[in-house]
Amino acid sequence: MKPIIPENERSAEPLDTEMIIYHPDMKRANEWILTEYQPPDRDFCIFVPCAKKKPYHESPSHKIFDRLIFGILESEMVHIVVFGTCGITPRELDTQYPFMDYQFMMGKCNVSKIKRDFIKMESERIARYLEKTKNNYKYRIAYCIGDFRTAMEKAVEMTSIPVTIVPKIETIEKNIQPTKNFIYGSLNQKDYLQDLAEAISKPLGKLVEHIDEKEEVINDNDWYVL
């Protein structure tokens, strides 16, 4: 596949600062996805948050997500879409510039205006993607916490296109850790993964086996709390 942004057209602005959400190439790449990209037709679209390690599909957290998702669904049934600091990134594009190249984690940003702008910009992008793909998927699931979740909730309100958002509120409340930097914990912990497994299995009429994630809990999801 040819690059979304040819190398000779890329901005010289850095991709490792808190201004990443305003970066011209990040905005241009997202606009291409929302206007020119042709999404596949699938039974499921599953939205997952971006990760520190690039490409996302090689990150520890995404490998855990994939093991669960593809343990329930055949690959041709599901389209995975990454969202967050990256904007909207269909999984098959996660090796493309600039999604492969930015380094800044929004969780390190303590500028309230940037955080507010992020939620506004990201909710609008998600809403546009939901509208663009309203006939491409039968079921939509978003696996997210913190303000990535807030952006997803706002997008659903804007479009009235149904998305099952997990983990459940009661599961999140049960797992809050007030003394931790990330009070909601990791998306790789078994209570949260159980909710994801149930959300995927329910439309299929399948029973869900108990999730017993034995790997070390990993906090490499790039989300932040406002």
C-alpha atoms as a PDB file:
ATOM      1  CA  MET A   1       0.000   0.000   0.000  1.00  0.00           C
ATOM      2  CA  LYS A   2       1.297   3.445  -0.846  1.00  0.00           C
ATOM      3  CA  PRO A   3       1.953   5.845   2.053  1.00  0.00           C
ATOM      4  CA  ILE A   4      -0.952   7.928   3.294  1.00  0.00           C
ATOM      5  CA  ILE A   5       1.436  10.894   3.314  1.00  0.00           C
ATOM      6  CA  PRO A   6       4.373  10.701   0.878  1.00  0.00           C
ATOM      7  CA  GLU A   7       7.730  11.240   2.535  1.00  0.00           C
ATOM      8  CA  ASN A   8       8.445  14.435   0.606  1.00  0.00           C
ATOM      9  CA  GLU A   9       5.177  15.963   1.835  1.00  0.00           C
ATOM     10  CA  ARG A  10       5.654  15.330   5.554  1.00  0.00           C
ATOM     11  CA  SER A  11       5.844  18.114   8.085  1.00  0.00           C
ATOM     12  CA  ALA A  12       9.095  18.872   9.892  1.00  0.00           C
ATOM     13  CA  GLU A  13       7.216  19.443  13.147  1.00  0.00           C
ATOM     14  CA  PRO A  14       8.176  16.939  15.885  1.00  0.00           C
ATOM     15  CA  LEU A  15       5.933  13.991  16.729  1.00  0.00           C
ATOM     16  CA  ASP A  16       7.007  13.701  20.362  1.00  0.00           C
ATOM     17  CA  THR A  17       5.413  16.699  22.070  1.00  0.00           C
ATOM     18  CA  GLU A  18       2.086  17.440  23.737  1.00  0.00           C
ATOM     19  CA  MET A  19       1.085  19.250  20.537  1.00  0.00           C
ATOM     20  CA  ILE A  20       0.700  15.892  18.769  1.00  0.00           C
ATOM     21  CA  ILE A  21      -3.078  16.227  18.430  1.00  0.00           C
ATOM     22  CA  TYR A  22      -2.570  19.410  16.401  1.00  0.00           C
ATOM     23  CA  HIS A  23       0.239  17.984  14.248  1.00  0.00           C
ATOM     24  CA  PRO A  24      -0.560  18.652  10.568  1.00  0.00           C
ATOM     25  CA  ASP A  25       0.351  15.124   9.486  1.00  0.00           C
ATOM     26  CA  MET A  26      -1.742  13.502  12.209  1.00  0.00           C
ATOM     27  CA  LYS A  27      -4.691  15.651  11.153  1.00  0.00           C
ATOM     28  CA  ARG A  28      -4.081  14.936   7.466  1.00  0.00           C
ATOM     29  CA  ALA A  29      -3.804  11.166   7.978  1.00  0.00           C
ATOM     30  CA  ASN A  30      -7.022  11.105   9.975  1.00  0.00           C
ATOM     31  CA  GLU A  31      -8.815  13.153   7.354  1.00  0.00           C
ATOM     32  CA  TRP A  32      -7.700  10.640   4.718  1.00  0.00           C
ATOM     33  CA  ILE A  33      -9.135   7.778   6.786  1.00  0.00           C
ATOM     34  CA  LEU A  34     -12.414   9.615   7.285  1.00  0.00           C
ATOM     35  CA  THR A  35     -12.828  10.570   3.624  1.00  0.00           C
ATOM     36  CA  GLU A  36     -10.867   8.225   1.332  1.00  0.00           C
ATOM     37  CA  TYR A  37     -10.254   4.989   3.238  1.00  0.00           C
ATOM     38  CA  GLN A  38     -12.594   2.137   2.314  1.00  0.00           C
ATOM     39  CA  PRO A  39     -13.437   0.045   5.401  1.00  0.00           C
ATOM     40  CA  PRO A  40     -14.228  -3.658   5.072  1.00  0.00           C
ATOM     41  CA  ASP A  41     -17.624  -5.218   5.721  1.00  0.00           C
ATOM     42  CA  ARG A  42     -17.495  -7.275   8.907  1.00  0.00           C
ATOM     43  CA  ASP A  43     -19.871  -8.649  11.521  1.00  0.00           C
ATOM     44  CA  PHE A  44     -17.963  -6.868  14.301  1.00  0.00           C
ATOM     45  CA  CYS A  45     -15.981  -3.671  14.666  1.00  0.00           C
ATOM     46  CA  ILE A  46     -13.980  -3.620  17.886  1.00  0.00           C
ATOM     47  CA  PHE A  47     -12.418  -0.316  18.936  1.00  0.00           C
ATOM     48  CA  VAL A  48      -9.337  -0.614  21.153  1.00  0.00           C
ATOM     49  CA  PRO A  49      -7.047   2.124  22.525  1.00  0.00           C
ATOM     50  CA  CYS A  50      -3.647   2.893  21.063  1.00  0.00           C
ATOM     51  CA  ALA A  51      -0.540   1.654  22.859  1.00  0.00           C
ATOM     52  CA  LYS A  52       2.943   2.918  23.670  1.00  0.00           C
ATOM     53  CA  LYS A  53       4.652   0.239  21.586  1.00  0.00           C
ATOM     54  CA  LYS A  54       4.418   0.576  17.822  1.00  0.00           C
ATOM     55  CA  PRO A  55       3.093  -0.926  15.700  1.00  0.00           C
ATOM     56  CA  TYR A  56       0.082  -1.425  17.921  1.00  0.00           C
ATOM     57  CA  HIS A  57      -0.523  -5.021  16.877  1.00  0.00           C
ATOM     58  CA  GLU A  58       2.888  -5.960  18.306  1.00  0.00           C
ATOM     59  CA  SER A  59       2.304  -4.281  21.673  1.00  0.00           C
ATOM     60  CA  PRO A  60       1.884  -6.498  24.757  1.00  0.00           C
ATOM     61  CA  SER A  61      -1.623  -5.190  25.441  1.00  0.00           C
ATOM     62  CA  HIS A  62      -2.877  -5.681  21.886  1.00  0.00           C
ATOM     63  CA  LYS A  63      -1.521  -9.221  21.831  1.00  0.00           C
ATOM     64  CA  ILE A  64      -3.667  -9.948  24.891  1.00  0.00           C
ATOM     65  CA  PHE A  65      -6.690  -8.304  23.237  1.00  0.00           C
ATOM     66  CA  ASP A  66      -6.102 -10.323  20.076  1.00  0.00           C
ATOM     67  CA  ARG A  67      -5.812 -13.611  21.919  1.00  0.00           C
ATOM     68  CA  LEU A  68      -9.216 -13.011  23.486  1.00  0.00           C
ATOM     69  CA  ILE A  69     -10.923 -11.583  20.382  1.00  0.00           C
ATOM     70  CA  PHE A  70      -9.660 -14.205  17.945  1.00  0.00           C
ATOM     71  CA  GLY A  71     -10.338 -16.945  20.465  1.00  0.00           C
ATOM     72  CA  ILE A  72     -14.031 -16.131  20.005  1.00  0.00           C
ATOM     73  CA  LEU A  73     -14.262 -14.725  16.472  1.00  0.00           C
ATOM     74  CA  GLU A  74     -12.821 -15.812  13.149  1.00  0.00           C
ATOM     75  CA  SER A  75     -10.544 -13.158  11.660  1.00  0.00           C
ATOM     76  CA  GLU A  76     -12.889 -12.532   8.727  1.00  0.00           C
ATOM     77  CA  MET A  77     -15.680 -11.634  11.164  1.00  0.00           C
ATOM     78  CA  VAL A  78     -13.987  -8.693  12.870  1.00  0.00           C
ATOM     79  CA  HIS A  79     -12.355  -5.380  12.037  1.00  0.00           C
ATOM     80  CA  ILE A  80     -10.141  -3.907  14.749  1.00  0.00           C
ATOM     81  CA  VAL A  81      -9.908  -0.117  14.846  1.00  0.00           C
ATOM     82  CA  VAL A  82      -7.443   1.661  17.121  1.00  0.00           C
ATOM     83  CA  PHE A  83      -8.319   5.071  18.553  1.00  0.00           C
ATOM     84  CA  GLY A  84      -6.990   7.648  20.987  1.00  0.00           C
ATOM     85  CA  THR A  85      -3.961   9.899  20.626  1.00  0.00           C
ATOM     86  CA  CYS A  86      -3.629   8.555  17.082  1.00  0.00           C
ATOM     87  CA  GLY A  87      -7.165   9.631  16.194  1.00  0.00           C
ATOM     88  CA  ILE A  88      -8.769   6.786  14.212  1.00  0.00           C
ATOM     89  CA  THR A  89      -6.445   4.065  12.908  1.00  0.00           C
ATOM     90  CA  PRO A  90      -7.784   0.868  11.328  1.00  0.00           C
ATOM     91  CA  ARG A  91      -5.481  -1.911  12.527  1.00  0.00           C
ATOM     92  CA  GLU A  92      -4.252  -2.748   9.027  1.00  0.00           C
ATOM     93  CA  LEU A  93      -2.826   0.787   8.781  1.00  0.00           C
ATOM     94  CA  ASP A  94      -0.887   0.782  12.046  1.00  0.00           C
ATOM     95  CA  THR A  95       2.499   0.550  10.318  1.00  0.00           C
ATOM     96  CA  GLN A  96       1.788   3.699   8.327  1.00  0.00           C
ATOM     97  CA  TYR A  97       3.281   7.118   9.043  1.00  0.00           C
ATOM     98  CA  PRO A  98       2.444   8.979  11.306  1.00  0.00           C
ATOM     99  CA  PHE A  99       0.741   6.279  13.415  1.00  0.00           C
ATOM    100  CA  MET A 100       3.972   4.295  13.607  1.00  0.00           C
ATOM    101  CA  ASP A 101       6.148   7.318  14.336  1.00  0.00           C
ATOM    102  CA  TYR A 102       4.688   9.489  17.092  1.00  0.00           C
ATOM    103  CA  GLN A 103       6.111   9.046  20.586  1.00  0.00           C
ATOM    104  CA  PHE A 104       4.122  11.303  22.886  1.00  0.00           C
ATOM    105  CA  MET A 105       1.681   9.734  25.351  1.00  0.00           C
ATOM    106  CA  MET A 106      -1.317  11.890  26.135  1.00  0.00           C
ATOM    107  CA  GLY A 107      -1.143  10.573  29.692  1.00  0.00           C
ATOM    108  CA  LYS A 108       1.926  12.758  30.221  1.00  0.00           C
ATOM    109  CA  CYS A 109       0.065  15.917  29.283  1.00  0.00           C
ATOM    110  CA  ASN A 110      -1.125  18.136  32.138  1.00  0.00           C
ATOM    111  CA  VAL A 111      -2.398  21.032  30.014  1.00  0.00           C
ATOM    112  CA  SER A 112      -6.153  21.218  30.534  1.00  0.00           C
ATOM    113  CA  LYS A 113      -6.854  22.979  27.228  1.00  0.00           C
ATOM    114  CA  ILE A 114      -5.069  20.268  25.244  1.00  0.00           C
ATOM    115  CA  LYS A 115      -6.983  17.582  27.100  1.00  0.00           C
ATOM    116  CA  ARG A 116     -10.302  19.321  26.440  1.00  0.00           C
ATOM    117  CA  ASP A 117      -9.381  19.795  22.788  1.00  0.00           C
ATOM    118  CA  PHE A 118      -8.455  16.132  22.539  1.00  0.00           C
ATOM    119  CA  ILE A 119     -11.862  14.957  23.763  1.00  0.00           C
ATOM    120  CA  LYS A 120     -13.634  17.332  21.383  1.00  0.00           C
ATOM    121  CA  MET A 121     -11.486  16.396  18.383  1.00  0.00           C
ATOM    122  CA  GLU A 122     -11.533  12.673  19.076  1.00  0.00           C
ATOM    123  CA  SER A 123     -15.276  12.460  19.708  1.00  0.00           C
ATOM    124  CA  GLU A 124     -15.898  14.245  16.409  1.00  0.00           C
ATOM    125  CA  ARG A 125     -13.556  11.883  14.557  1.00  0.00           C
ATOM    126  CA  ILE A 126     -15.176   8.816  16.086  1.00  0.00           C
ATOM    127  CA  ALA A 127     -18.614  10.183  15.203  1.00  0.00           C
ATOM    128  CA  ARG A 128     -17.556  10.693  11.596  1.00  0.00           C
ATOM    129  CA  TYR A 129     -16.158   7.167  11.446  1.00  0.00           C
ATOM    130  CA  LEU A 130     -19.347   5.725  12.923  1.00  0.00           C
ATOM    131  CA  GLU A 131     -21.411   7.561  10.310  1.00  0.00           C
ATOM    132  CA  LYS A 132     -19.050   6.552   7.509  1.00  0.00           C
ATOM    133  CA  THR A 133     -19.247   2.870   8.488  1.00  0.00           C
ATOM    134  CA  LYS A 134     -22.861   2.629   9.630  1.00  0.00           C
ATOM    135  CA  ASN A 135     -23.578  -0.021   6.983  1.00  0.00           C
ATOM    136  CA  ASN A 136     -20.260  -1.879   7.268  1.00  0.00           C
ATOM    137  CA  TYR A 137     -20.687  -3.593  10.634  1.00  0.00           C
ATOM    138  CA  LYS A 138     -23.486  -5.455  12.413  1.00  0.00           C
ATOM    139  CA  TYR A 139     -22.071  -4.949  15.909  1.00  0.00           C
ATOM    140  CA  ARG A 140     -19.733  -2.360  17.403  1.00  0.00           C
ATOM    141  CA  ILE A 141     -17.808  -2.764  20.647  1.00  0.00           C
ATOM    142  CA  ALA A 142     -15.453  -0.241  22.252  1.00  0.00           C
ATOM    143  CA  TYR A 143     -12.998  -1.388  24.898  1.00  0.00           C
ATOM    144  CA  CYS A 144     -11.835   1.690  26.755  1.00  0.00           C
ATOM    145  CA  ILE A 145     -11.531   3.551  30.045  1.00  0.00           C
ATOM    146  CA  GLY A 146     -10.641   7.085  31.106  1.00  0.00           C
ATOM    147  CA  ASP A 147     -11.109   9.903  28.648  1.00  0.00           C
ATOM    148  CA  PHE A 148     -10.838   7.707  25.576  1.00  0.00           C
ATOM    149  CA  ARG A 149     -14.102   6.291  26.891  1.00  0.00           C
ATOM    150  CA  THR A 150     -15.513   9.799  27.335  1.00  0.00           C
ATOM    151  CA  ALA A 151     -14.739  10.576  23.690  1.00  0.00           C
ATOM    152  CA  MET A 152     -16.427   7.347  22.575  1.00  0.00           C
ATOM    153  CA  GLU A 153     -19.516   8.051  24.688  1.00  0.00           C
ATOM    154  CA  LYS A 154     -19.817  11.547  23.218  1.00  0.00           C
ATOM    155  CA  ALA A 155     -19.508  10.162  19.683  1.00  0.00           C
ATOM    156  CA  VAL A 156     -22.302   7.680  20.342  1.00  0.00           C
ATOM    157  CA  GLU A 157     -24.495  10.498  21.660  1.00  0.00           C
ATOM    158  CA  MET A 158     -23.737  12.578  18.565  1.00  0.00           C
ATOM    159  CA  THR A 159     -24.656   9.830  16.098  1.00  0.00           C
ATOM    160  CA  SER A 160     -27.155   7.575  17.910  1.00  0.00           C
ATOM    161  CA  ILE A 161     -25.262   4.661  16.339  1.00  0.00           C
ATOM    162  CA  PRO A 162     -25.132   1.896  18.957  1.00  0.00           C
ATOM    163  CA  VAL A 163     -21.770   0.898  20.397  1.00  0.00           C
ATOM    164  CA  THR A 164     -21.405  -1.487  23.320  1.00  0.00           C
ATOM    165  CA  ILE A 165     -18.830   0.185  25.557  1.00  0.00           C
ATOM    166  CA  VAL A 166     -16.945  -2.011  27.993  1.00  0.00           C
ATOM    167  CA  PRO A 167     -15.751  -2.553  30.688  1.00  0.00           C
ATOM    168  CA  LYS A 168     -19.068  -2.058  32.443  1.00  0.00           C
ATOM    169  CA  ILE A 169     -19.333   0.910  34.808  1.00  0.00           C
ATOM    170  CA  GLU A 170     -19.792  -1.373  37.807  1.00  0.00           C
ATOM    171  CA  THR A 171     -16.677  -3.344  36.855  1.00  0.00           C
ATOM    172  CA  ILE A 172     -14.644  -0.146  36.577  1.00  0.00           C
ATOM    173  CA  GLU A 173     -15.897   1.108  39.942  1.00  0.00           C
ATOM    174  CA  LYS A 174     -14.994  -2.208  41.552  1.00  0.00           C
ATOM    175  CA  ASN A 175     -11.434  -1.967  40.228  1.00  0.00           C
ATOM    176  CA  ILE A 176     -10.638   1.696  40.953  1.00  0.00           C
ATOM    177  CA  GLN A 177      -7.282   2.072  42.701  1.00  0.00           C
ATOM    178  CA  PRO A 178      -7.171   5.631  44.119  1.00  0.00           C
ATOM    179  CA  THR A 179      -3.483   5.448  45.051  1.00  0.00           C
ATOM    180  CA  LYS A 180      -2.318   4.526  41.551  1.00  0.00           C
ATOM    181  CA  ASN A 181      -1.314   6.899  38.747  1.00  0.00           C
ATOM    182  CA  PHE A 182      -3.904   5.209  36.530  1.00  0.00           C
ATOM    183  CA  ILE A 183      -6.768   4.811  38.971  1.00  0.00           C
ATOM    184  CA  TYR A 184      -8.786   2.548  36.668  1.00  0.00           C
ATOM    185  CA  GLY A 185      -6.003  -0.003  36.392  1.00  0.00           C
ATOM    186  CA  SER A 186      -4.976  -1.874  33.261  1.00  0.00           C
ATOM    187  CA  LEU A 187      -7.320  -2.949  30.475  1.00  0.00           C
ATOM    188  CA  ASN A 188      -5.463  -6.242  30.588  1.00  0.00           C
ATOM    189  CA  GLN A 189      -6.804  -7.260  34.000  1.00  0.00           C
ATOM    190  CA  LYS A 190      -9.164 -10.196  33.997  1.00  0.00           C
ATOM    191  CA  ASP A 191     -12.343  -8.440  35.232  1.00  0.00           C
ATOM    192  CA  TYR A 192     -12.171  -6.014  32.311  1.00  0.00           C
ATOM    193  CA  LEU A 193     -11.297  -8.756  29.832  1.00  0.00           C
ATOM    194  CA  GLN A 194     -14.269 -10.754  31.095  1.00  0.00           C
ATOM    195  CA  ASP A 195     -16.578  -7.875  30.155  1.00  0.00           C
ATOM    196  CA  LEU A 196     -15.007  -7.702  26.691  1.00  0.00           C
ATOM    197  CA  ALA A 197     -15.428 -11.440  26.177  1.00  0.00           C
ATOM    198  CA  GLU A 198     -19.076 -11.245  27.212  1.00  0.00           C
ATOM    199  CA  ALA A 199     -19.752  -8.294  24.893  1.00  0.00           C
ATOM    200  CA  ILE A 200     -18.324 -10.235  21.938  1.00  0.00           C
ATOM    201  CA  SER A 201     -20.046 -13.501  22.812  1.00  0.00           C
ATOM    202  CA  LYS A 202     -23.534 -12.152  23.542  1.00  0.00           C
ATOM    203  CA  PRO A 203     -24.540 -11.353  19.918  1.00  0.00           C
ATOM    204  CA  LEU A 204     -23.390 -14.849  18.951  1.00  0.00           C
ATOM    205  CA  GLY A 205     -25.454 -16.520  21.648  1.00  0.00           C
ATOM    206  CA  LYS A 206     -22.308 -18.094  23.071  1.00  0.00           C
ATOM    207  CA  LEU A 207     -21.506 -18.838  26.676  1.00  0.00           C
ATOM    208  CA  VAL A 208     -18.338 -17.178  27.931  1.00  0.00           C
ATOM    209  CA  GLU A 209     -15.661 -19.153  29.664  1.00  0.00           C
ATOM    210  CA  HIS A 210     -14.137 -17.575  32.755  1.00  0.00           C
ATOM    211  CA  ILE A 211     -11.222 -15.346  31.798  1.00  0.00           C
ATOM    212  CA  ASP A 212      -8.011 -16.258  33.580  1.00  0.00           C
ATOM    213  CA  GLU A 213      -5.346 -13.954  32.168  1.00  0.00           C
ATOM    214  CA  LYS A 214      -2.108 -15.297  33.614  1.00  0.00           C
ATOM    215  CA  GLU A 215       0.271 -12.796  32.058  1.00  0.00           C
ATOM    216  CA  GLU A 216       1.699  -9.865  33.962  1.00  0.00           C
ATOM    217  CA  VAL A 217      -0.667  -6.899  33.985  1.00  0.00           C
ATOM    218  CA  ILE A 218       0.690  -4.345  31.528  1.00  0.00           C
ATOM    219  CA  ASN A 219      -0.058  -0.627  31.456  1.00  0.00           C
ATOM    220  CA  ASP A 220       0.965   0.205  27.911  1.00  0.00           C
ATOM    221  CA  ASN A 221      -2.371   1.575  26.738  1.00  0.00           C
ATOM    222  CA  ASP A 222      -2.025   5.197  25.720  1.00  0.00           C
ATOM    223  CA  TRP A 223      -5.026   6.702  27.496  1.00  0.00           C
ATOM    224  CA  TYR A 224      -5.212   9.434  30.056  1.00  0.00           C
ATOM    225  CA  VAL A 225      -7.508  10.725  32.764  1.00  0.00           C
ATOM    226  CA  LEU A 226      -8.641  14.337  32.629  1.00  0.00           C
END
